[in-house]
Structures are given as structure tokens and as C-alpha cells.
Amino acid sequence: MYFDWRTWGIWAIGFTILVVWILVPIKEFKKMLKKRKEGTKNN
């Protein structure tokens, strides 16, 4: 069985970009929710 390093490397880079592209907005959304909750507690 031949393991094509180039194809798997490109696929791995794409998968990493996809994971980062999903996780970063989730973290930012959680920060926004946290700030919104803190703002409602003060008022």
C-alpha cells in the first residue's frame, strides 16, 4: 500500500483550518454571551 504524503498533508492542513474556523467563532460567541450576562446582572 502506497501512502501519499502530499495528499494526506494537504488534507490534514485543510482539516486543521476547518477545525480552527469552527472553534474560534464558538469561543468569541461564548465571550459575547458572558459579557451580556454580566451586563444584565449590573442593571
C-alpha atoms as a PDB file:
ATOM      1  CA  MET A   1       0.000   0.000   0.000  1.00  0.00           C
ATOM      2  CA  TYR A   2       1.364   3.376  -1.021  1.00  0.00           C
ATOM      3  CA  PHE A   3       0.939   6.275   1.420  1.00  0.00           C
ATOM      4  CA  ASP A   4       0.741   9.556  -0.462  1.00  0.00           C
ATOM      5  CA  TRP A   5       2.260  12.103   1.901  1.00  0.00           C
ATOM      6  CA  ARG A   6       1.413  15.085  -0.294  1.00  0.00           C
ATOM      7  CA  THR A   7      -2.305  14.311  -0.483  1.00  0.00           C
ATOM      8  CA  TRP A   8      -2.614  13.481   3.208  1.00  0.00           C
ATOM      9  CA  GLY A   9      -0.598  16.574   4.137  1.00  0.00           C
ATOM     10  CA  ILE A  10      -2.888  18.853   2.135  1.00  0.00           C
ATOM     11  CA  TRP A  11      -5.938  17.115   3.599  1.00  0.00           C
ATOM     12  CA  ALA A  12      -4.562  17.478   7.151  1.00  0.00           C
ATOM     13  CA  ILE A  13      -3.884  21.195   6.651  1.00  0.00           C
ATOM     14  CA  GLY A  14      -7.402  21.686   5.313  1.00  0.00           C
ATOM     15  CA  PHE A  15      -8.892  19.787   8.231  1.00  0.00           C
ATOM     16  CA  THR A  16      -6.893  21.880  10.704  1.00  0.00           C
ATOM     17  CA  ILE A  17      -8.121  25.091   9.076  1.00  0.00           C
ATOM     18  CA  LEU A  18     -11.692  23.780   9.247  1.00  0.00           C
ATOM     19  CA  VAL A  19     -11.402  22.984  12.969  1.00  0.00           C
ATOM     20  CA  VAL A  20      -9.924  26.413  13.746  1.00  0.00           C
ATOM     21  CA  TRP A  21     -12.592  28.071  11.598  1.00  0.00           C
ATOM     22  CA  ILE A  22     -15.265  26.362  13.724  1.00  0.00           C
ATOM     23  CA  LEU A  23     -13.700  26.733  17.191  1.00  0.00           C
ATOM     24  CA  VAL A  24     -12.655  30.403  17.097  1.00  0.00           C
ATOM     25  CA  PRO A  25     -16.172  31.780  16.452  1.00  0.00           C
ATOM     26  CA  ILE A  26     -17.555  29.487  19.185  1.00  0.00           C
ATOM     27  CA  LYS A  27     -15.089  30.960  21.714  1.00  0.00           C
ATOM     28  CA  GLU A  28     -15.943  34.508  20.654  1.00  0.00           C
ATOM     29  CA  PHE A  29     -19.660  33.760  20.894  1.00  0.00           C
ATOM     30  CA  LYS A  30     -19.188  32.434  24.446  1.00  0.00           C
ATOM     31  CA  LYS A  31     -17.340  35.630  25.400  1.00  0.00           C
ATOM     32  CA  MET A  32     -20.188  37.719  23.994  1.00  0.00           C
ATOM     33  CA  LEU A  33     -22.743  35.731  25.983  1.00  0.00           C
ATOM     34  CA  LYS A  34     -20.674  36.098  29.153  1.00  0.00           C
ATOM     35  CA  LYS A  35     -20.445  39.878  28.701  1.00  0.00           C
ATOM     36  CA  ARG A  36     -24.186  40.082  28.017  1.00  0.00           C
ATOM     37  CA  LYS A  37     -24.979  38.123  31.193  1.00  0.00           C
ATOM     38  CA  GLU A  38     -22.670  40.337  33.261  1.00  0.00           C
ATOM     39  CA  GLY A  39     -24.339  43.414  31.775  1.00  0.00           C
ATOM     40  CA  THR A  40     -27.809  42.234  32.718  1.00  0.00           C
ATOM     41  CA  LYS A  41     -26.717  41.489  36.284  1.00  0.00           C
ATOM     42  CA  ASN A  42     -25.493  45.082  36.787  1.00  0.00           C
ATOM     43  CA  ASN A  43     -28.730  46.656  35.554  1.00  0.00           C
END
